[in-house]
Amino acid sequence: MDYYAHSTVSQDKTDWQTLIGHLENVADLAETFAARFDARPWGKMAGLCHDAGKACEAFQHRLEGSPARVDHSSFGARIAAEHCGRLGLLLSYAISGHHGGLPDGGEQESQLHYRLKWGKVSNDTVTLLCADTPQELSLPFRLSRELGGFSLSFFTRMVFSCLVDADFLDTEAFCSPEKAALRSTDAEASSFAELQKKLLDALHQKVKYAPPTPVNQHRQCILTQSLEKAEGPPGFYSLTVPTGGGKTLSSLAFALRHAEKHGLSRVIYAIPFTSIIEQNARVFQDILGKDSVLEHHCNYKESDAPEEAPYERRRGLASENWDAPLVVTTNVQLFESLFSNKPSRCRKLHNVAGSVIVLDEAQAIPTVYLEACLAALKELVEHYGCTVLLCTATQPALDELKSPRVHLPKSQIQEIIDDPAALFQAFSRTEVFFLGKQTEEELSSRLQEEKQVLCIVSTKPQARRLYEGMPLEDGTFHLSTNLYPAHRRKVLEAIRAAVASGATRLTAPPRCCLLYTS
């Protein structure tokens, strides 16, 4: 009997996808993905076993239109558990969860051990595996005493990522070839050498027309040190730069050169606030080109403009598995994916391996999650070929964490700036003093006395009341998370335009910008 993995409307089955073809395609893709962290045999076995349970009459009847439900993943999970050695159970998690998500390992219904023992699998399943499988599997790294269990769970999730992305891609290629063609015909990504040249050319233009002030000279020094330290080995780095020092583009320059130097696959730029990510992504796209920068966060919306539609569809596809040279995302998107069990979330994880991860405003990671996030980052650096750059003006005290399992001493973090303290002194351009208690009326009057002023308050209602009390016709702007992202961008563009021109009253610099911050 011929077995099939996917069907079409054709009744003669001549254009149906054979099961052995699907298993081999997924195995090849998953093996390639897993090669990034030296786990080729794991990817191959996961691909060969994941749909082996489809080789039964019940599932073939389902392809022909029968409404019967068939548990086709438990059989492959059982093969892995019984024939792939003592670590085969890890592969069973990935295989059994490649549609519904990684299961828990208990004895209750739907949990892994129950499914391995009592799962309904057909007795007439034929042997579809290659001659050299199944085989005993081994880990590509040694387990530590402190984080051994965590390392096993993390590795299982990475293998799971390889499998689900490979399965999605091969199924898409057969069932939705027009969608797969759009993915494959996306503009070829620029090399990191090309992206680095674009960035340095843009920075050179900035320097060319910028006045030789002390601040600009320090910014150039920060960039120079970032490029020099990028030649160092993979690991943990920190870029401690005060506000206004140009750390965003300097950190990107470090990441691009480091990726080129060490043959890494991509740069992941994680930012804690969506209000910042929109601005940074726009800057990166303007310099590097839209096809090289993937913006992925909850506020991102595909454009309705017809001329943007093909580009936006390609970007939507790339966001599924982060298939882009530079990914600009949020801390939430990155860390929740690293700890998720859902196929859609975990699909991108294998593309995190072998990358430069820049954590902008690293101190913004909530303290309650800091140890878990640091444990994941240490796994990525130690076992998955990643480099992590902690980029902030206020570095978190990682060496003071109480848990010995995730202790990261300062000696293991390479600081890019030779003398951060001197740099902060050079950038000291503000005077801080306490006004005492102010009513909203007193604050409004004080704001109106200033030529240009930025007022940051604690609540959105307070920002609205102050805004309504200001002379709206004289360059007063209001920013709040109550605004839609598109509206916030328009307000920011209006502020920049007003500051840049300032020739007449109608285009004068803003007197006041009221901002709500949580």
Protein backbone atom coordinates (compact mmCIF):
# COMPACT_ATOMS: atom_id res chain seq x y z
CA MET A 1 0.00 0.00 0.00
CA ASP A 2 1.21 3.53 -0.85
CA TYR A 3 1.10 5.94 2.06
CA TYR A 4 0.62 9.71 1.77
CA ALA A 5 1.24 12.67 4.06
CA HIS A 6 -0.89 15.35 2.34
CA SER A 7 -3.65 15.25 -0.22
CA THR A 8 -5.10 17.46 -2.95
CA VAL A 9 -8.52 17.58 -4.61
CA SER A 10 -7.29 15.03 -7.13
CA GLN A 11 -8.99 11.63 -6.79
CA ASP A 12 -6.31 9.60 -8.57
CA LYS A 13 -3.66 10.62 -6.00
CA THR A 14 -1.02 11.23 -8.67
CA ASP A 15 -0.19 14.64 -7.21
CA TRP A 16 -0.53 13.73 -3.52
CA GLN A 17 2.58 14.07 -1.38
CA THR A 18 4.00 10.69 -0.40
CA LEU A 19 4.69 10.08 3.25
CA ILE A 20 8.27 8.96 2.70
CA GLY A 21 8.89 12.11 0.62
CA HIS A 22 7.54 14.35 3.38
CA LEU A 23 9.54 12.59 6.11
CA GLU A 24 12.76 12.84 4.13
CA ASN A 25 12.18 16.51 3.24
CA VAL A 26 11.50 17.45 6.85
CA ALA A 27 14.46 15.38 8.04
CA ASP A 28 16.81 17.19 5.62
CA LEU A 29 15.57 20.63 6.69
CA ALA A 30 15.57 19.85 10.41
CA GLU A 31 19.05 18.36 10.14
CA THR A 32 20.29 21.57 8.47
CA PHE A 33 18.69 23.73 11.15
CA ALA A 34 20.09 21.61 13.99
CA ALA A 35 23.58 21.82 12.51
CA ARG A 36 23.78 25.35 13.94
CA PHE A 37 24.21 23.83 17.39
CA ASP A 38 25.93 20.55 16.42
CA ALA A 39 22.78 18.42 16.68
CA ARG A 40 22.38 17.10 13.13
CA PRO A 41 21.37 13.53 14.17
CA TRP A 42 18.64 14.95 16.42
CA GLY A 43 17.14 17.01 13.62
CA LYS A 44 17.30 14.13 11.19
CA MET A 45 15.67 11.62 13.55
CA ALA A 46 12.97 14.11 14.53
CA GLY A 47 12.10 14.66 10.88
CA LEU A 48 12.06 10.96 9.98
CA CYS A 49 9.91 9.94 12.93
CA HIS A 50 7.50 12.85 13.38
CA ASP A 51 4.75 11.67 10.99
CA ALA A 52 5.53 7.94 10.92
CA GLY A 53 2.12 7.28 12.49
CA LYS A 54 0.44 8.42 9.26
CA ALA A 55 1.41 5.09 7.71
CA CYS A 56 -1.86 3.43 8.65
CA GLU A 57 -5.17 2.83 6.91
CA ALA A 58 -7.08 5.07 9.32
CA PHE A 59 -5.05 8.16 8.41
CA GLN A 60 -5.12 7.34 4.69
CA HIS A 61 -8.91 7.16 4.90
CA ARG A 62 -8.87 10.56 6.62
CA LEU A 63 -6.99 11.99 3.64
CA GLU A 64 -9.72 10.55 1.44
CA GLY A 65 -12.40 12.39 3.43
CA SER A 66 -13.12 10.31 6.51
CA PRO A 67 -13.84 12.47 9.60
CA ALA A 68 -11.97 10.07 11.92
CA ARG A 69 -9.25 11.62 14.08
CA VAL A 70 -5.90 9.82 14.10
CA ASP A 71 -3.13 10.26 16.69
CA HIS A 72 -0.24 10.12 14.26
CA SER A 73 2.45 11.73 16.46
CA SER A 74 2.46 9.26 19.34
CA PHE A 75 3.85 6.45 17.18
CA GLY A 76 6.94 8.45 16.18
CA ALA A 77 7.40 9.52 19.80
CA ARG A 78 7.31 5.85 20.81
CA ILE A 79 9.96 4.98 18.21
CA ALA A 80 12.26 7.67 19.64
CA ALA A 81 11.70 6.61 23.25
CA GLU A 82 12.29 2.90 22.57
CA HIS A 83 15.06 2.93 19.99
CA CYS A 84 17.13 6.13 20.31
CA GLY A 85 18.92 5.39 23.55
CA ARG A 86 18.53 6.84 27.01
CA LEU A 87 18.07 10.36 25.63
CA GLY A 88 15.42 9.32 23.14
CA LEU A 89 12.72 10.51 25.51
CA LEU A 90 13.81 14.11 24.83
CA LEU A 91 13.08 13.54 21.15
CA SER A 92 9.70 12.08 22.09
CA TYR A 93 8.65 15.40 23.57
CA ALA A 94 9.41 17.23 20.33
CA ILE A 95 7.73 14.65 18.10
CA SER A 96 4.59 14.22 20.20
CA GLY A 97 4.12 18.00 20.43
CA HIS A 98 4.89 19.07 16.86
CA HIS A 99 1.23 20.07 16.32
CA GLY A 100 -0.29 20.77 19.75
CA GLY A 101 2.80 21.93 21.62
CA LEU A 102 5.38 20.34 23.91
CA PRO A 103 3.48 18.19 26.44
CA ASP A 104 4.11 17.77 30.14
CA GLY A 105 5.75 14.50 31.07
CA GLY A 106 3.16 13.04 33.46
CA GLU A 107 0.85 10.03 33.44
CA GLN A 108 -2.39 11.96 32.93
CA GLU A 109 -4.24 11.85 29.64
CA SER A 110 -2.57 14.01 26.96
CA GLN A 111 0.73 14.01 28.88
CA LEU A 112 3.74 12.33 27.32
CA HIS A 113 4.14 9.19 29.42
CA TYR A 114 0.44 8.42 29.18
CA ARG A 115 0.55 8.81 25.40
CA LEU A 116 3.63 6.61 25.08
CA LYS A 117 1.94 3.89 27.12
CA TRP A 118 -1.70 4.14 26.10
CA GLY A 119 -1.74 6.25 22.95
CA LYS A 120 -3.77 4.82 20.10
CA VAL A 121 -1.31 3.90 17.35
CA SER A 122 -1.98 1.61 14.44
CA ASN A 123 -0.56 -1.90 14.39
CA ASP A 124 -0.19 -1.91 10.62
CA THR A 125 2.37 0.89 10.49
CA VAL A 126 5.06 0.01 7.98
CA THR A 127 8.77 0.69 8.32
CA LEU A 128 9.48 4.00 6.63
CA LEU A 129 12.75 4.90 8.26
CA CYS A 130 16.11 4.83 6.55
CA ALA A 131 18.48 1.93 7.07
CA ASP A 132 20.68 3.84 9.51
CA THR A 133 17.81 4.69 11.83
CA PRO A 134 16.81 4.54 14.57
CA GLN A 135 20.11 5.31 16.26
CA GLU A 136 21.28 6.15 19.77
CA LEU A 137 21.57 9.87 20.29
CA SER A 138 24.01 11.85 22.41
CA LEU A 139 24.18 15.47 23.52
CA PRO A 140 26.53 17.87 21.71
CA PHE A 141 27.71 19.34 25.04
CA ARG A 142 28.47 18.33 28.62
CA LEU A 143 25.87 18.97 31.30
CA SER A 144 26.77 21.07 34.30
CA ARG A 145 25.78 20.05 37.81
CA GLU A 146 24.04 23.36 38.50
CA LEU A 147 21.95 23.72 35.32
CA GLY A 148 21.83 20.19 33.89
CA GLY A 149 18.05 19.88 33.98
CA PHE A 150 17.55 23.34 32.56
CA SER A 151 20.02 22.59 29.76
CA LEU A 152 18.10 19.43 28.80
CA SER A 153 14.78 21.27 28.63
CA PHE A 154 16.34 24.10 26.64
CA PHE A 155 17.94 21.65 24.19
CA THR A 156 14.62 19.82 23.76
CA ARG A 157 12.93 23.10 22.87
CA MET A 158 15.64 23.91 20.31
CA VAL A 159 15.24 20.50 18.63
CA PHE A 160 11.48 21.06 18.73
CA SER A 161 12.03 24.37 16.92
CA CYS A 162 14.01 22.67 14.15
CA LEU A 163 11.27 20.10 13.67
CA VAL A 164 8.25 22.40 13.65
CA ASP A 165 9.84 24.94 11.30
CA ALA A 166 10.94 22.21 8.90
CA ASP A 167 7.47 20.64 9.04
CA PHE A 168 5.75 23.99 8.44
CA LEU A 169 8.02 24.82 5.50
CA ASP A 170 7.66 21.50 3.70
CA THR A 171 3.90 21.38 4.26
CA GLU A 172 3.63 24.95 2.99
CA ALA A 173 5.69 24.11 -0.10
CA PHE A 174 3.21 21.34 -0.99
CA CYS A 175 -0.11 22.78 0.18
CA SER A 176 0.48 26.50 -0.52
CA PRO A 177 3.14 26.72 -3.24
CA GLU A 178 2.22 30.34 -4.03
CA LYS A 179 2.94 31.29 -0.43
CA ALA A 180 6.18 29.31 -0.42
CA ALA A 181 7.23 30.99 -3.68
CA LEU A 182 6.69 34.39 -2.14
CA ARG A 183 8.91 33.37 0.77
CA SER A 184 11.65 32.00 -1.47
CA THR A 185 11.61 34.94 -3.92
CA ASP A 186 12.20 37.48 -1.18
CA ALA A 187 15.16 39.73 -1.93
CA GLU A 188 18.42 38.02 -1.09
CA ALA A 189 19.65 39.22 2.23
CA SER A 190 22.73 41.39 2.20
CA SER A 191 25.85 39.96 3.78
CA PHE A 192 26.98 41.39 7.07
CA ALA A 193 29.93 42.96 5.27
CA GLU A 194 27.51 44.83 2.98
CA LEU A 195 25.29 45.87 5.89
CA GLN A 196 28.29 47.04 7.86
CA LYS A 197 29.45 49.16 4.91
CA LYS A 198 26.01 50.77 4.60
CA LEU A 199 26.00 51.61 8.30
CA LEU A 200 29.53 53.00 8.35
CA ASP A 201 28.85 55.08 5.23
CA ALA A 202 25.77 56.56 6.89
CA LEU A 203 27.70 57.30 10.08
CA HIS A 204 30.50 58.87 8.05
CA GLN A 205 27.98 61.26 6.50
CA LYS A 206 26.74 62.19 9.97
CA VAL A 207 30.27 62.89 11.15
CA LYS A 208 31.09 64.82 7.98
CA TYR A 209 28.42 67.43 8.60
CA ALA A 210 28.40 67.41 12.41
CA PRO A 211 30.23 70.18 14.27
CA PRO A 212 33.40 68.99 16.08
CA THR A 213 31.92 69.46 19.54
CA PRO A 214 33.25 67.49 22.53
CA VAL A 215 30.06 65.42 22.60
CA ASN A 216 30.41 64.45 18.93
CA GLN A 217 34.06 63.56 19.48
CA HIS A 218 33.08 61.26 22.33
CA ARG A 219 30.42 59.65 20.14
CA GLN A 220 33.05 58.91 17.52
CA CYS A 221 35.28 57.39 20.21
CA ILE A 222 32.39 55.15 21.35
CA LEU A 223 31.89 53.92 17.77
CA THR A 224 35.61 53.27 17.33
CA GLN A 225 35.85 51.21 20.51
CA SER A 226 32.70 49.27 19.56
CA LEU A 227 34.23 48.28 16.23
CA GLU A 228 37.55 47.35 17.85
CA LYS A 229 35.99 45.16 20.55
CA ALA A 230 33.80 43.44 17.94
CA GLU A 231 36.93 41.54 16.87
CA GLY A 232 36.91 39.72 20.20
CA PRO A 233 35.63 36.15 20.76
CA PRO A 234 31.92 35.31 21.22
CA GLY A 235 30.58 35.72 24.73
CA PHE A 236 29.05 38.36 26.98
CA TYR A 237 29.76 42.03 26.27
CA SER A 238 28.50 45.26 27.78
CA LEU A 239 28.25 48.73 26.26
CA THR A 240 27.89 51.23 29.08
CA VAL A 241 27.14 54.60 27.48
CA PRO A 242 25.17 57.57 28.85
CA THR A 243 22.07 58.88 27.13
CA GLY A 244 23.02 60.83 24.01
CA GLY A 245 26.19 58.85 23.36
CA GLY A 246 24.91 57.16 20.21
CA LYS A 247 24.83 53.69 21.74
CA THR A 248 22.04 52.48 19.43
CA LEU A 249 24.05 52.77 16.20
CA SER A 250 27.35 51.93 17.94
CA SER A 251 25.85 48.70 19.31
CA LEU A 252 24.53 47.86 15.85
CA ALA A 253 27.99 48.48 14.38
CA PHE A 254 29.47 46.12 16.99
CA ALA A 255 26.87 43.45 16.20
CA LEU A 256 27.33 43.59 12.42
CA ARG A 257 31.13 43.46 12.58
CA HIS A 258 31.08 40.70 15.23
CA ALA A 259 28.66 38.62 13.12
CA GLU A 260 30.86 39.03 10.06
CA LYS A 261 34.05 38.22 11.98
CA HIS A 262 32.70 34.98 13.46
CA GLY A 263 30.35 33.81 10.69
CA LEU A 264 27.21 34.24 12.76
CA SER A 265 23.78 33.96 11.16
CA ARG A 266 21.87 37.06 12.28
CA VAL A 267 21.58 39.99 14.68
CA ILE A 268 18.65 40.12 17.09
CA TYR A 269 18.06 43.57 18.57
CA ALA A 270 15.72 43.28 21.57
CA ILE A 271 14.15 46.41 23.06
CA PRO A 272 11.91 46.63 26.16
CA PHE A 273 9.47 49.31 24.97
CA THR A 274 7.36 49.33 21.81
CA SER A 275 7.57 53.13 21.69
CA ILE A 276 11.34 52.78 21.17
CA ILE A 277 11.27 49.77 18.87
CA GLU A 278 9.21 51.56 16.23
CA GLN A 279 11.69 54.42 16.12
CA ASN A 280 14.81 52.21 16.06
CA ALA A 281 13.41 49.89 13.41
CA ARG A 282 12.69 52.87 11.16
CA VAL A 283 16.25 54.17 11.61
CA PHE A 284 17.74 50.73 10.84
CA GLN A 285 15.55 50.30 7.76
CA ASP A 286 16.46 53.74 6.43
CA ILE A 287 20.15 52.89 6.67
CA LEU A 288 20.28 49.16 5.84
CA GLY A 289 17.21 48.77 3.61
CA LYS A 290 13.78 47.38 4.41
CA ASP A 291 14.52 43.87 3.15
CA SER A 292 17.35 43.44 5.66
CA VAL A 293 15.42 44.49 8.78
CA LEU A 294 12.52 42.54 10.27
CA GLU A 295 10.37 44.43 12.75
CA HIS A 296 8.46 41.98 14.96
CA HIS A 297 6.33 43.05 17.92
CA CYS A 298 2.69 43.20 18.99
CA ASN A 299 2.04 46.68 17.55
CA TYR A 300 3.39 45.91 14.09
CA LYS A 301 0.66 46.06 11.47
CA GLU A 302 0.95 45.15 7.83
CA SER A 303 0.45 48.11 5.53
CA ASP A 304 -2.77 48.56 3.58
CA ALA A 305 -0.96 50.35 0.76
CA PRO A 306 -1.11 48.22 -2.45
CA GLU A 307 2.48 48.96 -3.39
CA GLU A 308 3.61 47.75 0.05
CA ALA A 309 1.55 44.54 0.01
CA PRO A 310 4.17 42.13 -1.46
CA TYR A 311 6.83 43.47 0.90
CA GLU A 312 4.52 43.24 3.90
CA ARG A 313 3.52 39.67 3.04
CA ARG A 314 7.19 38.68 2.86
CA ARG A 315 7.83 40.38 6.20
CA GLY A 316 4.86 38.53 7.69
CA LEU A 317 6.30 35.21 6.53
CA ALA A 318 9.76 36.10 7.85
CA SER A 319 8.32 36.94 11.27
CA GLU A 320 7.15 33.34 11.64
CA ASN A 321 10.72 32.04 11.93
CA TRP A 322 12.86 35.22 12.04
CA ASP A 323 14.34 34.56 8.62
CA ALA A 324 16.10 37.93 8.25
CA PRO A 325 19.65 39.24 8.84
CA LEU A 326 18.52 41.80 11.44
CA VAL A 327 15.51 41.19 13.68
CA VAL A 328 14.25 44.10 15.79
CA THR A 329 11.93 42.77 18.46
CA THR A 330 10.87 43.14 22.07
CA ASN A 331 12.21 41.48 25.19
CA VAL A 332 8.78 39.93 25.67
CA GLN A 333 8.79 38.34 22.20
CA LEU A 334 12.34 37.00 22.67
CA PHE A 335 12.14 35.61 26.19
CA GLU A 336 8.58 34.30 26.04
CA SER A 337 9.55 32.34 22.92
CA LEU A 338 12.60 30.90 24.70
CA PHE A 339 10.33 29.51 27.43
CA SER A 340 7.24 28.65 25.37
CA ASN A 341 5.88 25.23 24.41
CA LYS A 342 3.81 26.40 21.42
CA PRO A 343 4.95 25.52 17.88
CA SER A 344 4.20 29.02 16.57
CA ARG A 345 6.33 30.65 19.29
CA CYS A 346 9.16 28.11 19.29
CA ARG A 347 9.46 27.89 15.51
CA LYS A 348 11.97 30.76 15.41
CA LEU A 349 14.30 29.49 18.15
CA HIS A 350 16.74 27.56 15.98
CA ASN A 351 17.41 30.85 14.18
CA VAL A 352 18.44 32.42 17.49
CA ALA A 353 21.36 29.97 17.65
CA GLY A 354 24.54 31.44 16.23
CA SER A 355 23.42 35.06 16.48
CA VAL A 356 24.38 38.33 18.13
CA ILE A 357 21.73 39.32 20.67
CA VAL A 358 21.72 43.00 21.60
CA LEU A 359 19.66 43.79 24.70
CA ASP A 360 18.99 47.52 24.59
CA GLU A 361 18.18 49.06 27.98
CA ALA A 362 19.12 45.76 29.62
CA GLN A 363 18.28 47.11 33.07
CA ALA A 364 14.59 47.15 32.07
CA ILE A 365 14.25 43.34 32.40
CA PRO A 366 11.92 42.92 35.41
CA THR A 367 13.81 41.77 38.50
CA VAL A 368 11.40 38.87 39.08
CA TYR A 369 12.34 37.41 35.67
CA LEU A 370 16.02 38.35 35.64
CA GLU A 371 17.41 35.00 36.83
CA ALA A 372 15.34 33.01 34.31
CA CYS A 373 16.31 35.36 31.47
CA LEU A 374 19.97 35.20 32.43
CA ALA A 375 19.85 31.40 32.56
CA ALA A 376 18.53 31.36 28.98
CA LEU A 377 21.18 33.83 27.82
CA LYS A 378 23.95 31.74 29.40
CA GLU A 379 22.65 28.65 27.58
CA LEU A 380 22.68 30.54 24.28
CA VAL A 381 26.24 31.74 24.82
CA GLU A 382 27.70 28.49 26.19
CA HIS A 383 25.96 25.91 23.98
CA TYR A 384 24.47 27.67 20.95
CA GLY A 385 27.23 29.94 19.66
CA CYS A 386 25.62 33.26 20.57
CA THR A 387 27.09 36.55 21.69
CA VAL A 388 25.07 38.76 24.05
CA LEU A 389 25.60 42.53 24.25
CA LEU A 390 24.10 44.30 27.28
CA CYS A 391 23.57 47.84 26.10
CA THR A 392 22.51 50.49 28.63
CA ALA A 393 23.52 53.51 30.64
CA THR A 394 22.75 51.58 33.87
CA GLN A 395 24.07 48.02 33.77
CA PRO A 396 22.15 45.49 35.91
CA ALA A 397 24.14 44.00 38.79
CA LEU A 398 24.24 40.48 37.37
CA ASP A 399 27.13 39.48 39.62
CA GLU A 400 24.98 40.14 42.70
CA LEU A 401 22.23 37.64 41.87
CA LYS A 402 21.70 35.29 44.81
CA SER A 403 21.25 32.10 42.81
CA PRO A 404 24.65 30.44 42.23
CA ARG A 405 23.21 28.69 39.18
CA VAL A 406 23.00 31.89 37.17
CA HIS A 407 25.77 33.92 38.76
CA LEU A 408 27.58 35.93 36.09
CA PRO A 409 30.68 37.66 37.47
CA LYS A 410 31.92 40.87 35.90
CA SER A 411 35.07 39.06 34.79
CA GLN A 412 32.96 37.12 32.26
CA ILE A 413 31.48 40.28 30.70
CA GLN A 414 33.77 42.24 28.37
CA GLU A 415 33.11 45.98 28.67
CA ILE A 416 33.48 47.78 25.34
CA ILE A 417 34.18 51.25 26.75
CA ASP A 418 37.65 51.61 28.26
CA ASP A 419 36.62 54.16 30.92
CA PRO A 420 32.82 54.41 31.37
CA ALA A 421 33.11 56.69 34.42
CA ALA A 422 35.06 59.32 32.49
CA LEU A 423 32.56 59.07 29.66
CA PHE A 424 29.64 59.79 31.98
CA GLN A 425 31.45 62.81 33.34
CA ALA A 426 32.02 64.10 29.80
CA PHE A 427 28.32 63.70 28.96
CA SER A 428 27.11 65.47 32.10
CA ARG A 429 25.06 68.25 30.49
CA THR A 430 22.17 68.59 32.94
CA GLU A 431 21.56 70.08 36.35
CA VAL A 432 19.16 68.22 38.63
CA PHE A 433 17.29 70.01 41.42
CA PHE A 434 14.04 69.53 43.33
CA LEU A 435 11.21 72.00 42.76
CA GLY A 436 9.10 70.85 45.65
CA LYS A 437 5.37 70.19 45.38
CA GLN A 438 3.69 71.79 42.39
CA THR A 439 0.01 72.04 41.56
CA GLU A 440 -0.96 71.35 37.95
CA GLU A 441 -1.71 75.07 37.49
CA GLU A 442 1.74 76.03 38.83
CA LEU A 443 3.40 73.40 36.64
CA SER A 444 1.49 74.60 33.57
CA SER A 445 2.56 78.20 34.20
CA ARG A 446 6.19 77.15 34.65
CA LEU A 447 6.12 75.16 31.41
CA GLN A 448 4.82 78.16 29.48
CA GLU A 449 7.78 80.25 30.67
CA GLU A 450 10.26 77.94 28.90
CA LYS A 451 11.35 78.25 25.26
CA GLN A 452 11.58 74.48 24.86
CA VAL A 453 10.68 71.94 27.50
CA LEU A 454 9.84 68.27 27.89
CA CYS A 455 7.50 67.34 30.74
CA ILE A 456 7.19 63.69 31.80
CA VAL A 457 4.39 62.78 34.20
CA SER A 458 3.25 59.57 35.87
CA THR A 459 -0.31 59.13 34.61
CA LYS A 460 -2.10 59.51 31.30
CA PRO A 461 -4.97 61.61 32.78
CA GLN A 462 -2.46 64.05 34.22
CA ALA A 463 -0.68 64.36 30.87
CA ARG A 464 -4.03 65.04 29.18
CA ARG A 465 -5.00 67.73 31.71
CA LEU A 466 -1.67 69.53 31.38
CA TYR A 467 -1.91 69.36 27.60
CA GLU A 468 -5.39 70.87 27.63
CA GLY A 469 -4.12 73.70 29.83
CA MET A 470 -1.34 74.68 27.41
CA PRO A 471 -1.62 77.08 24.42
CA LEU A 472 -2.25 74.46 21.74
CA GLU A 473 -1.67 76.82 18.82
CA ASP A 474 1.90 77.50 19.91
CA GLY A 475 3.67 74.19 19.36
CA THR A 476 2.43 71.98 22.18
CA PHE A 477 2.45 68.23 21.60
CA HIS A 478 1.07 65.30 23.56
CA LEU A 479 2.47 61.76 23.54
CA SER A 480 0.85 58.85 25.37
CA THR A 481 0.32 55.13 25.06
CA ASN A 482 -3.36 56.01 24.61
CA LEU A 483 -2.33 56.97 21.07
CA TYR A 484 -2.19 54.32 18.37
CA PRO A 485 1.39 53.57 17.22
CA ALA A 486 0.72 55.23 13.84
CA HIS A 487 -0.50 58.38 15.60
CA ARG A 488 2.54 58.42 17.90
CA ARG A 489 4.80 58.25 14.86
CA LYS A 490 2.99 61.23 13.31
CA VAL A 491 3.41 63.28 16.48
CA LEU A 492 7.12 62.43 16.66
CA GLU A 493 7.58 63.34 13.01
CA ALA A 494 5.84 66.68 13.61
CA ILE A 495 8.12 67.40 16.59
CA ARG A 496 11.25 66.56 14.60
CA ALA A 497 10.12 68.72 11.69
CA ALA A 498 9.39 71.65 14.01
CA VAL A 499 12.77 71.37 15.73
CA ALA A 500 14.60 71.07 12.40
CA SER A 501 12.98 74.14 10.82
CA GLY A 502 12.14 76.83 13.37
CA ALA A 503 12.14 79.61 10.76
CA THR A 504 8.74 81.19 11.48
CA ARG A 505 6.08 81.15 14.13
CA LEU A 506 4.15 78.50 12.22
CA THR A 507 7.17 76.20 12.10
CA ALA A 508 8.74 77.21 15.38
CA PRO A 509 10.39 74.65 17.64
CA PRO A 510 7.98 73.08 20.12
CA ARG A 511 7.48 74.98 23.32
CA CYS A 512 6.35 71.90 25.17
CA CYS A 513 6.08 68.14 24.72
CA LEU A 514 3.97 66.35 27.32
CA LEU A 515 4.82 62.69 27.73
CA TYR A 516 3.24 59.98 29.83
CA THR A 517 5.52 57.24 31.11
CA SER A 518 4.60 54.28 33.30
